[in-house]
Amino acid sequence: MNWKEFLKPEWRKIVLFIILSILISVYVYDWLLNNVVVCKALVCPTVEQVAQENMIRFLPFILIISYFLSCFILWIYNKVKKK
């Protein structure tokens, strides 16, 4: 399997990508909220505002990681299924 086949979108990858994106986004947002509490005591106006600003910065990475994970999971699934 070459990279073109590995990264080619199909319905299973897209469904898995959406699920992974939501799960990872929720996890990262929760992580940001927990770690920004320290910042709130120092200077930050609101925890939610800072977490949302940081979430916007992380969003492209979350989407890329989610898509690669969905491709990798389906690649492993197809390899196991063939055996």
N, C-alpha and C. Protein backbone atom coordinates (compact mmCIF):
# COMPACT_ATOMS: atom_id res chain seq x y z
N MET A 1 0.85 -1.18 0.00
CA MET A 1 0.00 0.00 0.00
C MET A 1 0.89 1.24 0.00
N ASN A 2 0.63 2.14 -0.92
CA ASN A 2 1.40 3.37 -0.97
C ASN A 2 0.67 4.49 -0.20
N TRP A 3 1.31 5.64 -0.14
CA TRP A 3 0.76 6.76 0.63
C TRP A 3 -0.56 7.25 0.05
N LYS A 4 -0.68 7.18 -1.26
CA LYS A 4 -1.91 7.65 -1.89
C LYS A 4 -3.11 6.82 -1.45
N GLU A 5 -2.93 5.52 -1.41
CA GLU A 5 -4.01 4.64 -0.94
C GLU A 5 -4.24 4.81 0.56
N PHE A 6 -3.16 4.98 1.29
CA PHE A 6 -3.25 5.12 2.74
C PHE A 6 -4.06 6.36 3.13
N LEU A 7 -3.83 7.47 2.43
CA LEU A 7 -4.49 8.73 2.78
C LEU A 7 -5.78 9.00 2.01
N LYS A 8 -6.11 8.12 1.07
CA LYS A 8 -7.31 8.33 0.26
C LYS A 8 -8.56 8.28 1.14
N PRO A 9 -9.40 9.32 1.06
CA PRO A 9 -10.60 9.32 1.90
C PRO A 9 -11.63 8.30 1.44
N GLU A 10 -12.24 7.67 2.38
CA GLU A 10 -13.37 6.78 2.13
C GLU A 10 -14.33 6.96 3.30
N TRP A 11 -15.51 6.43 3.18
CA TRP A 11 -16.54 6.73 4.17
C TRP A 11 -16.17 6.25 5.58
N ARG A 12 -15.47 5.12 5.69
CA ARG A 12 -15.10 4.62 7.02
C ARG A 12 -14.05 5.53 7.67
N LYS A 13 -13.12 6.02 6.88
CA LYS A 13 -12.11 6.94 7.41
C LYS A 13 -12.74 8.26 7.84
N ILE A 14 -13.70 8.72 7.07
CA ILE A 14 -14.34 9.99 7.41
C ILE A 14 -15.16 9.87 8.69
N VAL A 15 -15.89 8.79 8.84
CA VAL A 15 -16.67 8.57 10.06
C VAL A 15 -15.74 8.46 11.27
N LEU A 16 -14.69 7.69 11.13
CA LEU A 16 -13.73 7.54 12.22
C LEU A 16 -13.02 8.86 12.51
N PHE A 17 -12.73 9.62 11.47
CA PHE A 17 -12.10 10.93 11.62
C PHE A 17 -12.98 11.87 12.43
N ILE A 18 -14.27 11.90 12.14
CA ILE A 18 -15.19 12.77 12.88
C ILE A 18 -15.26 12.36 14.34
N ILE A 19 -15.36 11.07 14.60
CA ILE A 19 -15.43 10.58 15.98
C ILE A 19 -14.13 10.91 16.73
N LEU A 20 -13.00 10.64 16.11
CA LEU A 20 -11.72 10.93 16.75
C LEU A 20 -11.52 12.43 16.95
N SER A 21 -11.93 13.23 16.00
CA SER A 21 -11.79 14.69 16.14
C SER A 21 -12.57 15.20 17.34
N ILE A 22 -13.78 14.70 17.49
CA ILE A 22 -14.61 15.13 18.63
C ILE A 22 -13.98 14.68 19.93
N LEU A 23 -13.57 13.42 20.00
CA LEU A 23 -12.98 12.91 21.24
C LEU A 23 -11.69 13.64 21.61
N ILE A 24 -10.82 13.82 20.64
CA ILE A 24 -9.55 14.50 20.92
C ILE A 24 -9.78 15.96 21.27
N SER A 25 -10.73 16.62 20.59
CA SER A 25 -11.03 18.02 20.89
C SER A 25 -11.55 18.19 22.31
N VAL A 26 -12.44 17.30 22.70
CA VAL A 26 -12.97 17.36 24.07
C VAL A 26 -11.85 17.14 25.08
N TYR A 27 -10.99 16.18 24.81
CA TYR A 27 -9.87 15.91 25.71
C TYR A 27 -8.93 17.11 25.80
N VAL A 28 -8.57 17.69 24.67
CA VAL A 28 -7.65 18.84 24.66
C VAL A 28 -8.29 20.04 25.34
N TYR A 29 -9.57 20.29 25.08
CA TYR A 29 -10.26 21.41 25.71
C TYR A 29 -10.29 21.23 27.23
N ASP A 30 -10.58 20.02 27.68
CA ASP A 30 -10.58 19.75 29.12
C ASP A 30 -9.19 19.94 29.70
N TRP A 31 -8.18 19.48 28.98
CA TRP A 31 -6.80 19.65 29.43
C TRP A 31 -6.43 21.13 29.52
N LEU A 32 -6.86 21.90 28.53
CA LEU A 32 -6.59 23.34 28.54
C LEU A 32 -7.29 24.02 29.71
N LEU A 33 -8.54 23.65 29.97
CA LEU A 33 -9.26 24.25 31.10
C LEU A 33 -8.57 23.95 32.42
N ASN A 34 -8.10 22.73 32.59
CA ASN A 34 -7.43 22.37 33.83
C ASN A 34 -6.09 23.07 33.99
N ASN A 35 -5.36 23.28 32.90
CA ASN A 35 -4.05 23.90 33.00
C ASN A 35 -4.09 25.41 33.00
N VAL A 36 -5.19 25.99 32.55
CA VAL A 36 -5.28 27.44 32.51
C VAL A 36 -5.75 28.00 33.85
N VAL A 37 -6.20 27.18 34.76
CA VAL A 37 -6.63 27.65 36.07
C VAL A 37 -5.49 28.38 36.77
N VAL A 38 -4.28 27.90 36.60
CA VAL A 38 -3.11 28.56 37.18
C VAL A 38 -2.94 29.94 36.56
N CYS A 39 -3.17 30.04 35.26
CA CYS A 39 -3.03 31.31 34.55
C CYS A 39 -4.09 32.31 35.01
N LYS A 40 -5.27 31.85 35.35
CA LYS A 40 -6.34 32.75 35.77
C LYS A 40 -5.95 33.49 37.04
N ALA A 41 -5.28 32.82 37.93
CA ALA A 41 -4.86 33.44 39.17
C ALA A 41 -3.83 34.53 38.92
N LEU A 42 -3.11 34.46 37.82
CA LEU A 42 -2.07 35.43 37.52
C LEU A 42 -2.60 36.65 36.76
N VAL A 43 -3.01 36.47 35.52
CA VAL A 43 -3.33 37.61 34.67
C VAL A 43 -4.60 37.44 33.85
N CYS A 44 -4.92 36.26 33.47
CA CYS A 44 -5.94 35.99 32.45
C CYS A 44 -7.33 36.46 32.88
N PRO A 45 -8.11 36.99 31.92
CA PRO A 45 -9.46 37.47 32.25
C PRO A 45 -10.43 36.34 32.62
N THR A 46 -10.57 35.36 31.79
CA THR A 46 -11.43 34.20 32.12
C THR A 46 -10.77 32.94 31.61
N VAL A 47 -10.99 31.89 32.32
CA VAL A 47 -10.42 30.60 31.95
C VAL A 47 -10.97 30.14 30.61
N GLU A 48 -12.26 30.29 30.42
CA GLU A 48 -12.90 29.82 29.19
C GLU A 48 -12.37 30.57 27.96
N GLN A 49 -12.16 31.87 28.10
CA GLN A 49 -11.68 32.66 26.97
C GLN A 49 -10.28 32.22 26.56
N VAL A 50 -9.41 32.02 27.52
CA VAL A 50 -8.04 31.59 27.22
C VAL A 50 -8.04 30.18 26.64
N ALA A 51 -8.86 29.30 27.19
CA ALA A 51 -8.93 27.93 26.67
C ALA A 51 -9.45 27.92 25.23
N GLN A 52 -10.44 28.75 24.93
CA GLN A 52 -10.96 28.81 23.56
C GLN A 52 -9.93 29.36 22.60
N GLU A 53 -9.17 30.38 23.02
CA GLU A 53 -8.12 30.93 22.16
C GLU A 53 -7.05 29.88 21.88
N ASN A 54 -6.68 29.14 22.90
CA ASN A 54 -5.67 28.09 22.71
C ASN A 54 -6.22 26.93 21.90
N MET A 55 -7.50 26.65 22.04
CA MET A 55 -8.12 25.57 21.27
C MET A 55 -8.07 25.87 19.78
N ILE A 56 -8.25 27.14 19.43
CA ILE A 56 -8.17 27.54 18.02
C ILE A 56 -6.77 27.27 17.47
N ARG A 57 -5.76 27.46 18.29
CA ARG A 57 -4.39 27.19 17.87
C ARG A 57 -4.14 25.69 17.69
N PHE A 58 -4.76 24.88 18.53
CA PHE A 58 -4.55 23.43 18.48
C PHE A 58 -5.41 22.74 17.42
N LEU A 59 -6.45 23.39 16.94
CA LEU A 59 -7.41 22.74 16.05
C LEU A 59 -6.79 22.14 14.78
N PRO A 60 -5.91 22.84 14.06
CA PRO A 60 -5.32 22.20 12.87
C PRO A 60 -4.55 20.92 13.20
N PHE A 61 -3.82 20.93 14.31
CA PHE A 61 -3.07 19.75 14.72
C PHE A 61 -4.01 18.61 15.11
N ILE A 62 -5.10 18.95 15.77
CA ILE A 62 -6.08 17.94 16.16
C ILE A 62 -6.68 17.28 14.92
N LEU A 63 -7.01 18.08 13.92
CA LEU A 63 -7.60 17.53 12.70
C LEU A 63 -6.62 16.65 11.94
N ILE A 64 -5.38 17.08 11.84
CA ILE A 64 -4.35 16.29 11.15
C ILE A 64 -4.10 14.98 11.88
N ILE A 65 -3.94 15.05 13.19
CA ILE A 65 -3.69 13.84 13.98
C ILE A 65 -4.89 12.89 13.89
N SER A 66 -6.10 13.43 13.95
CA SER A 66 -7.30 12.59 13.86
C SER A 66 -7.38 11.87 12.53
N TYR A 67 -7.07 12.56 11.44
CA TYR A 67 -7.15 11.91 10.13
C TYR A 67 -6.08 10.83 9.99
N PHE A 68 -4.85 11.13 10.41
CA PHE A 68 -3.81 10.10 10.34
C PHE A 68 -4.14 8.90 11.22
N LEU A 69 -4.70 9.14 12.38
CA LEU A 69 -5.10 8.03 13.25
C LEU A 69 -6.21 7.19 12.60
N SER A 70 -7.17 7.85 11.98
CA SER A 70 -8.24 7.10 11.33
C SER A 70 -7.69 6.27 10.17
N CYS A 71 -6.76 6.83 9.41
CA CYS A 71 -6.14 6.07 8.31
C CYS A 71 -5.35 4.89 8.86
N PHE A 72 -4.61 5.11 9.92
CA PHE A 72 -3.79 4.06 10.52
C PHE A 72 -4.65 2.95 11.11
N ILE A 73 -5.71 3.32 11.80
CA ILE A 73 -6.60 2.32 12.40
C ILE A 73 -7.24 1.45 11.32
N LEU A 74 -7.71 2.07 10.25
CA LEU A 74 -8.33 1.29 9.17
C LEU A 74 -7.30 0.47 8.41
N TRP A 75 -6.10 0.96 8.30
CA TRP A 75 -5.04 0.19 7.65
C TRP A 75 -4.75 -1.08 8.46
N ILE A 76 -4.65 -0.95 9.78
CA ILE A 76 -4.44 -2.12 10.64
C ILE A 76 -5.65 -3.06 10.56
N TYR A 77 -6.84 -2.50 10.58
CA TYR A 77 -8.06 -3.32 10.48
C TYR A 77 -8.07 -4.12 9.19
N ASN A 78 -7.73 -3.49 8.09
CA ASN A 78 -7.70 -4.19 6.79
C ASN A 78 -6.62 -5.27 6.75
N LYS A 79 -5.48 -5.02 7.36
CA LYS A 79 -4.42 -6.03 7.40
C LYS A 79 -4.86 -7.25 8.21
N VAL A 80 -5.47 -7.01 9.34
CA VAL A 80 -5.93 -8.11 10.19
C VAL A 80 -7.09 -8.85 9.52
N LYS A 81 -7.94 -8.13 8.86
CA LYS A 81 -9.09 -8.74 8.20
C LYS A 81 -8.67 -9.67 7.05
N LYS A 82 -7.61 -9.32 6.34
CA LYS A 82 -7.13 -10.13 5.23
C LYS A 82 -6.53 -11.45 5.69
N LYS A 83 -6.01 -11.49 6.91
CA LYS A 83 -5.39 -12.72 7.43
C LYS A 83 -6.42 -13.63 7.93
